[in-house]
Amino acid sequence: MPSPIGHALAGLIVHSSLADRRSLEDWPRMALVVAAACAPDLDLLQRFIAGAHSHRAESHSLGMALAVAAATYGVARARRWPRAGALAALVGLGWCSHLLLDWLGSDTAPPFGLMALWPWSREWWKAPVVLFLDIGRTLDLSTVRQNVLAAAWEVALLLPILSVVLWFRQRKS
């Protein structure tokens, strides 16, 4: 599964390709979409806090993406932020970008895949092809080397997509 670098780039791609012209220059909104693209991996903290480990389960699902989008909409409306619906949609899609990247990532720890359709299904889903390398969670030299290689691959794959999106957006305006 991809690193936070890959997930942040995916969030930038979502924001840059779908935000309206005013929101493109709205750094707090962009930061919120990027944070949403990285947030599903906060479930890794359960391992350190409670000793539990359910990575890629409920937090890596369309149901959670919808819940986060709804919560974003509620907060944005309560605070009277402009374009609350658009922000909620971008945050939800940023969350979904995480699911897509993890679905396309190498997974070396069972259960394999992610619980993408929770709460409607507890089935685990894994893509038939792998585009992203696995990220290790130890600090030994071989794992760090693997993580650097994986992050470099993510940048090589996603940065050109972001560049093309930004080029088209600039050309359009």
N, C-alpha and C. Protein backbone atom coordinates (compact mmCIF):
# COMPACT_ATOMS: atom_id res chain seq x y z
N MET A 1 0.83 -1.18 0.00
CA MET A 1 0.00 0.00 0.00
C MET A 1 0.88 1.24 0.00
N PRO A 2 0.41 2.31 -0.60
CA PRO A 2 1.23 3.50 -0.78
C PRO A 2 1.58 4.24 0.52
N SER A 3 2.54 5.12 0.40
CA SER A 3 3.01 5.93 1.52
C SER A 3 2.17 7.19 1.65
N PRO A 4 2.36 7.94 2.74
CA PRO A 4 1.67 9.23 2.86
C PRO A 4 2.01 10.19 1.72
N ILE A 5 3.17 10.06 1.13
CA ILE A 5 3.55 10.91 -0.01
C ILE A 5 2.62 10.64 -1.19
N GLY A 6 2.41 9.37 -1.50
CA GLY A 6 1.51 9.01 -2.60
C GLY A 6 0.08 9.44 -2.31
N HIS A 7 -0.38 9.26 -1.07
CA HIS A 7 -1.74 9.65 -0.73
C HIS A 7 -1.92 11.17 -0.80
N ALA A 8 -0.91 11.92 -0.37
CA ALA A 8 -0.99 13.38 -0.44
C ALA A 8 -1.03 13.84 -1.90
N LEU A 9 -0.22 13.23 -2.75
CA LEU A 9 -0.27 13.58 -4.17
C LEU A 9 -1.63 13.26 -4.78
N ALA A 10 -2.22 12.14 -4.39
CA ALA A 10 -3.55 11.79 -4.89
C ALA A 10 -4.58 12.82 -4.43
N GLY A 11 -4.48 13.29 -3.18
CA GLY A 11 -5.37 14.33 -2.70
C GLY A 11 -5.22 15.62 -3.49
N LEU A 12 -3.97 15.97 -3.81
CA LEU A 12 -3.73 17.15 -4.64
C LEU A 12 -4.32 16.99 -6.04
N ILE A 13 -4.24 15.78 -6.58
CA ILE A 13 -4.82 15.52 -7.90
C ILE A 13 -6.33 15.70 -7.84
N VAL A 14 -6.97 15.16 -6.81
CA VAL A 14 -8.43 15.31 -6.66
C VAL A 14 -8.78 16.78 -6.57
N HIS A 15 -8.12 17.49 -5.68
CA HIS A 15 -8.44 18.91 -5.50
C HIS A 15 -8.18 19.71 -6.77
N SER A 16 -7.04 19.50 -7.39
CA SER A 16 -6.66 20.29 -8.56
C SER A 16 -7.54 20.00 -9.77
N SER A 17 -8.04 18.80 -9.86
CA SER A 17 -8.84 18.46 -11.04
C SER A 17 -10.32 18.80 -10.86
N LEU A 18 -10.81 18.88 -9.63
CA LEU A 18 -12.25 19.04 -9.42
C LEU A 18 -12.67 20.35 -8.76
N ALA A 19 -11.78 21.03 -8.09
CA ALA A 19 -12.15 22.26 -7.40
C ALA A 19 -12.48 23.36 -8.40
N ASP A 20 -13.43 24.22 -8.03
CA ASP A 20 -13.72 25.35 -8.90
C ASP A 20 -12.56 26.34 -8.84
N ARG A 21 -12.60 27.32 -9.73
CA ARG A 21 -11.47 28.24 -9.87
C ARG A 21 -11.13 28.94 -8.54
N ARG A 22 -12.16 29.37 -7.79
CA ARG A 22 -11.91 30.06 -6.51
C ARG A 22 -11.26 29.12 -5.50
N SER A 23 -11.68 27.86 -5.48
CA SER A 23 -11.16 26.91 -4.50
C SER A 23 -9.74 26.46 -4.82
N LEU A 24 -9.32 26.59 -6.08
CA LEU A 24 -7.96 26.19 -6.43
C LEU A 24 -6.93 26.98 -5.64
N GLU A 25 -7.24 28.22 -5.33
CA GLU A 25 -6.30 29.07 -4.61
C GLU A 25 -6.61 29.13 -3.12
N ASP A 26 -7.56 28.33 -2.66
CA ASP A 26 -7.97 28.32 -1.26
C ASP A 26 -7.16 27.24 -0.53
N TRP A 27 -6.04 27.65 0.06
CA TRP A 27 -5.12 26.70 0.68
C TRP A 27 -5.74 25.88 1.81
N PRO A 28 -6.57 26.47 2.68
CA PRO A 28 -7.16 25.63 3.73
C PRO A 28 -8.04 24.52 3.16
N ARG A 29 -8.81 24.80 2.11
CA ARG A 29 -9.63 23.75 1.49
C ARG A 29 -8.75 22.67 0.87
N MET A 30 -7.69 23.10 0.20
CA MET A 30 -6.77 22.14 -0.39
C MET A 30 -6.14 21.26 0.69
N ALA A 31 -5.74 21.88 1.78
CA ALA A 31 -5.13 21.12 2.88
C ALA A 31 -6.13 20.12 3.46
N LEU A 32 -7.40 20.49 3.52
CA LEU A 32 -8.42 19.59 4.05
C LEU A 32 -8.60 18.37 3.14
N VAL A 33 -8.58 18.59 1.83
CA VAL A 33 -8.71 17.47 0.89
C VAL A 33 -7.49 16.55 0.97
N VAL A 34 -6.30 17.13 1.05
CA VAL A 34 -5.08 16.33 1.18
C VAL A 34 -5.09 15.56 2.50
N ALA A 35 -5.53 16.20 3.57
CA ALA A 35 -5.62 15.50 4.87
C ALA A 35 -6.60 14.34 4.78
N ALA A 36 -7.72 14.55 4.09
CA ALA A 36 -8.69 13.46 3.92
C ALA A 36 -8.10 12.31 3.11
N ALA A 37 -7.25 12.62 2.15
CA ALA A 37 -6.61 11.57 1.35
C ALA A 37 -5.62 10.75 2.17
N CYS A 38 -5.09 11.33 3.22
CA CYS A 38 -4.12 10.63 4.08
C CYS A 38 -4.78 10.00 5.32
N ALA A 39 -5.92 10.51 5.72
CA ALA A 39 -6.53 10.17 7.01
C ALA A 39 -6.89 8.70 7.23
N PRO A 40 -7.29 7.93 6.21
CA PRO A 40 -7.66 6.54 6.52
C PRO A 40 -6.55 5.75 7.21
N ASP A 41 -5.30 6.13 7.01
CA ASP A 41 -4.20 5.41 7.66
C ASP A 41 -4.04 5.76 9.14
N LEU A 42 -4.86 6.67 9.65
CA LEU A 42 -4.82 6.94 11.09
C LEU A 42 -5.23 5.72 11.90
N ASP A 43 -5.86 4.74 11.23
CA ASP A 43 -6.20 3.51 11.94
C ASP A 43 -4.95 2.75 12.39
N LEU A 44 -3.81 3.10 11.84
CA LEU A 44 -2.55 2.48 12.30
C LEU A 44 -2.24 2.86 13.75
N LEU A 45 -2.77 3.98 14.21
CA LEU A 45 -2.54 4.40 15.59
C LEU A 45 -3.17 3.45 16.59
N GLN A 46 -4.19 2.70 16.17
CA GLN A 46 -4.81 1.73 17.06
C GLN A 46 -3.80 0.71 17.57
N ARG A 47 -2.86 0.38 16.73
CA ARG A 47 -1.83 -0.58 17.12
C ARG A 47 -1.02 -0.05 18.30
N PHE A 48 -0.74 1.24 18.29
CA PHE A 48 0.09 1.83 19.33
C PHE A 48 -0.71 2.22 20.57
N ILE A 49 -1.95 2.63 20.38
CA ILE A 49 -2.77 3.11 21.50
C ILE A 49 -3.44 1.95 22.23
N ALA A 50 -4.13 1.10 21.48
CA ALA A 50 -4.94 0.06 22.11
C ALA A 50 -4.41 -1.35 21.90
N GLY A 51 -3.36 -1.46 21.14
CA GLY A 51 -2.83 -2.78 20.86
C GLY A 51 -3.64 -3.53 19.81
N ALA A 52 -4.71 -2.92 19.33
CA ALA A 52 -5.55 -3.55 18.31
C ALA A 52 -4.99 -3.22 16.93
N HIS A 53 -5.34 -4.04 15.99
CA HIS A 53 -4.87 -3.77 14.62
C HIS A 53 -5.95 -4.18 13.63
N SER A 54 -6.56 -3.18 13.05
CA SER A 54 -7.57 -3.45 12.03
C SER A 54 -7.33 -2.55 10.82
N HIS A 55 -6.08 -2.47 10.41
CA HIS A 55 -5.72 -1.61 9.29
C HIS A 55 -6.43 -2.06 8.02
N ARG A 56 -6.90 -1.10 7.26
CA ARG A 56 -7.59 -1.30 5.98
C ARG A 56 -8.99 -1.87 6.17
N ALA A 57 -9.56 -1.69 7.35
CA ALA A 57 -10.93 -2.18 7.58
C ALA A 57 -11.91 -1.03 7.36
N GLU A 58 -12.68 -0.70 8.35
CA GLU A 58 -13.76 0.28 8.21
C GLU A 58 -13.27 1.64 7.72
N SER A 59 -12.12 2.08 8.17
CA SER A 59 -11.63 3.41 7.75
C SER A 59 -11.29 3.44 6.26
N HIS A 60 -11.09 2.30 5.66
CA HIS A 60 -10.75 2.20 4.25
C HIS A 60 -11.98 1.77 3.43
N SER A 61 -13.09 2.50 3.62
CA SER A 61 -14.33 2.09 2.97
C SER A 61 -15.09 3.28 2.40
N LEU A 62 -15.96 2.97 1.46
CA LEU A 62 -16.83 3.99 0.88
C LEU A 62 -17.81 4.52 1.93
N GLY A 63 -18.24 3.66 2.85
CA GLY A 63 -19.12 4.10 3.92
C GLY A 63 -18.48 5.17 4.78
N MET A 64 -17.20 4.99 5.11
CA MET A 64 -16.50 5.99 5.91
C MET A 64 -16.28 7.27 5.09
N ALA A 65 -16.01 7.13 3.80
CA ALA A 65 -15.86 8.32 2.94
C ALA A 65 -17.16 9.13 2.94
N LEU A 66 -18.29 8.45 2.85
CA LEU A 66 -19.58 9.15 2.89
C LEU A 66 -19.82 9.80 4.25
N ALA A 67 -19.46 9.11 5.32
CA ALA A 67 -19.63 9.66 6.66
C ALA A 67 -18.76 10.91 6.86
N VAL A 68 -17.52 10.86 6.38
CA VAL A 68 -16.62 12.00 6.51
C VAL A 68 -17.12 13.17 5.66
N ALA A 69 -17.61 12.88 4.46
CA ALA A 69 -18.17 13.94 3.61
C ALA A 69 -19.39 14.57 4.28
N ALA A 70 -20.24 13.75 4.87
CA ALA A 70 -21.43 14.28 5.56
C ALA A 70 -21.03 15.13 6.76
N ALA A 71 -20.06 14.67 7.52
CA ALA A 71 -19.59 15.44 8.68
C ALA A 71 -18.97 16.77 8.23
N THR A 72 -18.21 16.73 7.15
CA THR A 72 -17.62 17.95 6.60
C THR A 72 -18.71 18.94 6.19
N TYR A 73 -19.74 18.42 5.55
CA TYR A 73 -20.85 19.26 5.13
C TYR A 73 -21.53 19.89 6.35
N GLY A 74 -21.77 19.09 7.37
CA GLY A 74 -22.41 19.60 8.58
C GLY A 74 -21.60 20.70 9.25
N VAL A 75 -20.30 20.49 9.38
CA VAL A 75 -19.44 21.49 10.00
C VAL A 75 -19.38 22.75 9.13
N ALA A 76 -19.23 22.57 7.83
CA ALA A 76 -19.15 23.71 6.92
C ALA A 76 -20.43 24.54 6.94
N ARG A 77 -21.58 23.87 6.98
CA ARG A 77 -22.87 24.59 7.04
C ARG A 77 -23.02 25.31 8.38
N ALA A 78 -22.65 24.63 9.47
CA ALA A 78 -22.78 25.24 10.79
C ALA A 78 -21.90 26.48 10.92
N ARG A 79 -20.74 26.45 10.29
CA ARG A 79 -19.82 27.59 10.35
C ARG A 79 -20.06 28.59 9.22
N ARG A 80 -21.05 28.28 8.38
CA ARG A 80 -21.43 29.14 7.25
C ARG A 80 -20.28 29.37 6.27
N TRP A 81 -19.53 28.29 6.03
CA TRP A 81 -18.47 28.37 5.03
C TRP A 81 -19.11 28.36 3.65
N PRO A 82 -18.54 29.10 2.71
CA PRO A 82 -19.10 29.09 1.36
C PRO A 82 -18.84 27.75 0.67
N ARG A 83 -19.75 27.38 -0.20
CA ARG A 83 -19.64 26.16 -1.02
C ARG A 83 -19.44 24.91 -0.17
N ALA A 84 -20.27 24.76 0.86
CA ALA A 84 -20.16 23.63 1.80
C ALA A 84 -20.32 22.29 1.07
N GLY A 85 -21.26 22.22 0.15
CA GLY A 85 -21.47 20.97 -0.58
C GLY A 85 -20.28 20.58 -1.44
N ALA A 86 -19.70 21.57 -2.11
CA ALA A 86 -18.51 21.30 -2.94
C ALA A 86 -17.34 20.85 -2.08
N LEU A 87 -17.17 21.48 -0.93
CA LEU A 87 -16.09 21.08 -0.03
C LEU A 87 -16.30 19.66 0.46
N ALA A 88 -17.52 19.33 0.86
CA ALA A 88 -17.82 17.99 1.34
C ALA A 88 -17.55 16.95 0.26
N ALA A 89 -17.93 17.25 -0.97
CA ALA A 89 -17.69 16.32 -2.08
C ALA A 89 -16.19 16.13 -2.30
N LEU A 90 -15.43 17.22 -2.27
CA LEU A 90 -13.98 17.11 -2.46
C LEU A 90 -13.33 16.30 -1.34
N VAL A 91 -13.75 16.52 -0.12
CA VAL A 91 -13.20 15.77 1.02
C VAL A 91 -13.53 14.29 0.86
N GLY A 92 -14.78 13.98 0.50
CA GLY A 92 -15.16 12.58 0.29
C GLY A 92 -14.37 11.93 -0.83
N LEU A 93 -14.16 12.66 -1.92
CA LEU A 93 -13.39 12.11 -3.03
C LEU A 93 -11.91 12.01 -2.68
N GLY A 94 -11.41 12.93 -1.87
CA GLY A 94 -10.03 12.81 -1.38
C GLY A 94 -9.87 11.53 -0.58
N TRP A 95 -10.85 11.23 0.29
CA TRP A 95 -10.84 9.99 1.07
C TRP A 95 -10.85 8.79 0.12
N CYS A 96 -11.69 8.86 -0.91
CA CYS A 96 -11.79 7.76 -1.88
C CYS A 96 -10.49 7.56 -2.66
N SER A 97 -9.73 8.64 -2.87
CA SER A 97 -8.44 8.48 -3.56
C SER A 97 -7.52 7.56 -2.76
N HIS A 98 -7.61 7.65 -1.44
CA HIS A 98 -6.81 6.75 -0.58
C HIS A 98 -7.21 5.30 -0.82
N LEU A 99 -8.52 5.07 -0.90
CA LEU A 99 -9.01 3.71 -1.12
C LEU A 99 -8.51 3.17 -2.45
N LEU A 100 -8.57 4.01 -3.49
CA LEU A 100 -8.12 3.57 -4.81
C LEU A 100 -6.64 3.20 -4.79
N LEU A 101 -5.81 4.04 -4.21
CA LEU A 101 -4.38 3.75 -4.19
C LEU A 101 -4.08 2.49 -3.38
N ASP A 102 -4.73 2.34 -2.22
CA ASP A 102 -4.49 1.13 -1.43
C ASP A 102 -5.00 -0.11 -2.14
N TRP A 103 -6.12 0.01 -2.83
CA TRP A 103 -6.67 -1.13 -3.59
C TRP A 103 -5.67 -1.57 -4.66
N LEU A 104 -4.97 -0.60 -5.26
CA LEU A 104 -3.99 -0.90 -6.31
C LEU A 104 -2.60 -1.17 -5.75
N GLY A 105 -2.47 -1.22 -4.43
CA GLY A 105 -1.16 -1.41 -3.82
C GLY A 105 -0.87 -2.85 -3.46
N SER A 106 0.41 -3.12 -3.33
CA SER A 106 0.87 -4.43 -2.87
C SER A 106 0.51 -4.57 -1.40
N ASP A 107 0.02 -5.72 -1.05
CA ASP A 107 -0.39 -5.97 0.34
C ASP A 107 0.25 -7.26 0.79
N THR A 108 1.06 -7.17 1.83
CA THR A 108 1.81 -8.35 2.28
C THR A 108 1.36 -8.86 3.64
N ALA A 109 0.29 -8.25 4.20
CA ALA A 109 -0.18 -8.68 5.52
C ALA A 109 -1.67 -9.04 5.46
N PRO A 110 -2.00 -10.26 5.91
CA PRO A 110 -3.42 -10.64 5.90
C PRO A 110 -4.21 -9.85 6.94
N PRO A 111 -5.48 -9.64 6.74
CA PRO A 111 -6.25 -10.00 5.54
C PRO A 111 -5.85 -9.09 4.38
N PHE A 112 -5.80 -9.66 3.20
CA PHE A 112 -5.32 -8.93 2.04
C PHE A 112 -6.41 -8.06 1.44
N GLY A 113 -6.03 -6.86 1.03
CA GLY A 113 -6.97 -5.94 0.43
C GLY A 113 -7.52 -4.95 1.44
N LEU A 114 -8.73 -4.46 1.17
CA LEU A 114 -9.38 -3.53 2.07
C LEU A 114 -10.88 -3.79 2.10
N MET A 115 -11.50 -3.36 3.17
CA MET A 115 -12.94 -3.57 3.37
C MET A 115 -13.69 -2.41 2.69
N ALA A 116 -13.61 -2.34 1.37
CA ALA A 116 -14.04 -1.18 0.60
C ALA A 116 -15.53 -0.88 0.68
N LEU A 117 -16.36 -1.87 0.86
CA LEU A 117 -17.81 -1.65 0.82
C LEU A 117 -18.48 -1.66 2.19
N TRP A 118 -17.68 -1.53 3.26
CA TRP A 118 -18.27 -1.43 4.58
C TRP A 118 -19.13 -0.18 4.63
N PRO A 119 -20.28 -0.14 5.22
CA PRO A 119 -20.93 -1.11 6.10
C PRO A 119 -21.84 -2.10 5.38
N TRP A 120 -21.89 -2.03 4.06
CA TRP A 120 -22.77 -2.91 3.31
C TRP A 120 -22.21 -4.31 3.18
N SER A 121 -20.89 -4.43 3.27
CA SER A 121 -20.23 -5.73 3.15
C SER A 121 -18.96 -5.72 4.00
N ARG A 122 -18.65 -6.84 4.61
CA ARG A 122 -17.40 -6.97 5.37
C ARG A 122 -16.36 -7.74 4.56
N GLU A 123 -16.62 -7.90 3.27
CA GLU A 123 -15.70 -8.60 2.37
C GLU A 123 -14.47 -7.72 2.10
N TRP A 124 -13.33 -8.38 1.90
CA TRP A 124 -12.08 -7.68 1.61
C TRP A 124 -11.85 -7.69 0.10
N TRP A 125 -11.45 -6.55 -0.45
CA TRP A 125 -11.27 -6.38 -1.89
C TRP A 125 -9.82 -6.07 -2.21
N LYS A 126 -9.33 -6.72 -3.27
CA LYS A 126 -7.96 -6.50 -3.72
C LYS A 126 -7.95 -6.44 -5.24
N ALA A 127 -7.22 -5.50 -5.80
CA ALA A 127 -7.16 -5.34 -7.25
C ALA A 127 -6.39 -6.50 -7.88
N PRO A 128 -6.75 -6.86 -9.11
CA PRO A 128 -6.02 -7.94 -9.78
C PRO A 128 -4.63 -7.52 -10.26
N VAL A 129 -4.36 -6.21 -10.27
CA VAL A 129 -3.04 -5.71 -10.65
C VAL A 129 -2.50 -4.85 -9.52
N VAL A 130 -1.19 -4.77 -9.43
CA VAL A 130 -0.53 -3.98 -8.39
C VAL A 130 0.24 -2.86 -9.07
N LEU A 131 -0.06 -1.61 -8.68
CA LEU A 131 0.67 -0.46 -9.21
C LEU A 131 1.62 0.16 -8.20
N PHE A 132 1.33 -0.06 -6.91
CA PHE A 132 2.11 0.58 -5.86
C PHE A 132 2.77 -0.47 -4.97
N LEU A 133 3.99 -0.16 -4.54
CA LEU A 133 4.76 -1.07 -3.70
C LEU A 133 4.30 -0.97 -2.25
N ASP A 134 4.58 -2.00 -1.47
CA ASP A 134 4.21 -2.02 -0.07
C ASP A 134 5.17 -1.15 0.74
N ILE A 135 4.64 -0.54 1.79
CA ILE A 135 5.43 0.27 2.71
C ILE A 135 5.61 -0.53 3.99
N GLY A 136 6.86 -0.69 4.41
CA GLY A 136 7.15 -1.42 5.64
C GLY A 136 7.01 -0.54 6.86
N ARG A 137 6.90 -1.15 8.02
CA ARG A 137 6.69 -0.40 9.25
C ARG A 137 7.78 -0.63 10.29
N THR A 138 8.94 -1.00 9.82
CA THR A 138 10.09 -1.13 10.73
C THR A 138 11.17 -0.17 10.27
N LEU A 139 12.14 0.04 11.12
CA LEU A 139 13.20 1.00 10.79
C LEU A 139 14.52 0.34 10.44
N ASP A 140 14.50 -0.95 10.07
CA ASP A 140 15.75 -1.56 9.64
C ASP A 140 16.09 -1.05 8.24
N LEU A 141 17.36 -1.16 7.88
CA LEU A 141 17.87 -0.54 6.66
C LEU A 141 17.16 -1.05 5.40
N SER A 142 16.90 -2.34 5.31
CA SER A 142 16.26 -2.86 4.10
C SER A 142 14.82 -2.33 3.95
N THR A 143 14.11 -2.17 5.06
CA THR A 143 12.75 -1.63 5.00
C THR A 143 12.78 -0.16 4.62
N VAL A 144 13.69 0.60 5.19
CA VAL A 144 13.81 2.02 4.85
C VAL A 144 14.15 2.16 3.36
N ARG A 145 15.05 1.33 2.88
CA ARG A 145 15.41 1.36 1.45
C ARG A 145 14.19 1.04 0.58
N GLN A 146 13.41 0.05 0.97
CA GLN A 146 12.19 -0.32 0.25
C GLN A 146 11.19 0.84 0.26
N ASN A 147 11.04 1.50 1.40
CA ASN A 147 10.10 2.61 1.52
C ASN A 147 10.51 3.80 0.65
N VAL A 148 11.80 4.08 0.58
CA VAL A 148 12.28 5.16 -0.28
C VAL A 148 12.00 4.82 -1.73
N LEU A 149 12.26 3.59 -2.13
CA LEU A 149 11.97 3.15 -3.49
C LEU A 149 10.47 3.25 -3.79
N ALA A 150 9.63 2.82 -2.85
CA ALA A 150 8.17 2.87 -3.03
C ALA A 150 7.70 4.31 -3.17
N ALA A 151 8.20 5.21 -2.33
CA ALA A 151 7.80 6.62 -2.40
C ALA A 151 8.27 7.26 -3.71
N ALA A 152 9.48 6.92 -4.14
CA ALA A 152 9.98 7.45 -5.41
C ALA A 152 9.11 6.97 -6.57
N TRP A 153 8.69 5.72 -6.53
CA TRP A 153 7.79 5.18 -7.57
C TRP A 153 6.45 5.93 -7.57
N GLU A 154 5.92 6.21 -6.38
CA GLU A 154 4.66 6.95 -6.28
C GLU A 154 4.79 8.35 -6.89
N VAL A 155 5.89 9.01 -6.58
CA VAL A 155 6.14 10.35 -7.14
C VAL A 155 6.28 10.25 -8.66
N ALA A 156 7.00 9.25 -9.14
CA ALA A 156 7.18 9.08 -10.59
C ALA A 156 5.86 8.80 -11.29
N LEU A 157 4.94 8.12 -10.62
CA LEU A 157 3.65 7.78 -11.21
C LEU A 157 2.64 8.92 -11.09
N LEU A 158 2.58 9.57 -9.94
CA LEU A 158 1.52 10.53 -9.66
C LEU A 158 1.87 11.98 -9.98
N LEU A 159 3.12 12.36 -9.88
CA LEU A 159 3.49 13.74 -10.16
C LEU A 159 3.20 14.14 -11.62
N PRO A 160 3.47 13.28 -12.60
CA PRO A 160 3.09 13.65 -13.97
C PRO A 160 1.58 13.84 -14.13
N ILE A 161 0.78 13.04 -13.43
CA ILE A 161 -0.68 13.21 -13.50
C ILE A 161 -1.07 14.57 -12.93
N LEU A 162 -0.51 14.91 -11.77
CA LEU A 162 -0.79 16.21 -11.17
C LEU A 162 -0.34 17.34 -12.09
N SER A 163 0.82 17.20 -12.71
CA SER A 163 1.33 18.23 -13.62
C SER A 163 0.40 18.43 -14.81
N VAL A 164 -0.09 17.35 -15.38
CA VAL A 164 -1.02 17.45 -16.52
C VAL A 164 -2.32 18.12 -16.10
N VAL A 165 -2.85 17.75 -14.93
CA VAL A 165 -4.08 18.36 -14.43
C VAL A 165 -3.88 19.86 -14.25
N LEU A 166 -2.78 20.26 -13.62
CA LEU A 166 -2.52 21.68 -13.40
C LEU A 166 -2.31 22.42 -14.72
N TRP A 167 -1.65 21.78 -15.66
CA TRP A 167 -1.43 22.39 -16.97
C TRP A 167 -2.76 22.64 -17.68
N PHE A 168 -3.65 21.65 -17.65
CA PHE A 168 -4.97 21.82 -18.27
C PHE A 168 -5.77 22.90 -17.56
N ARG A 169 -5.71 22.92 -16.23
CA ARG A 169 -6.46 23.93 -15.48
C ARG A 169 -5.95 25.34 -15.81
N GLN A 170 -4.64 25.48 -15.91
CA GLN A 170 -4.07 26.80 -16.21
C GLN A 170 -4.41 27.20 -17.64
N ARG A 171 -4.39 26.25 -18.54
CA ARG A 171 -4.68 26.51 -19.96
C ARG A 171 -6.13 26.92 -20.13
N LYS A 172 -7.01 26.32 -19.33
CA LYS A 172 -8.44 26.61 -19.40
C LYS A 172 -8.77 28.03 -18.93
N SER A 173 -8.00 28.54 -17.98
CA SER A 173 -8.34 29.84 -17.40
C SER A 173 -7.75 31.02 -18.14
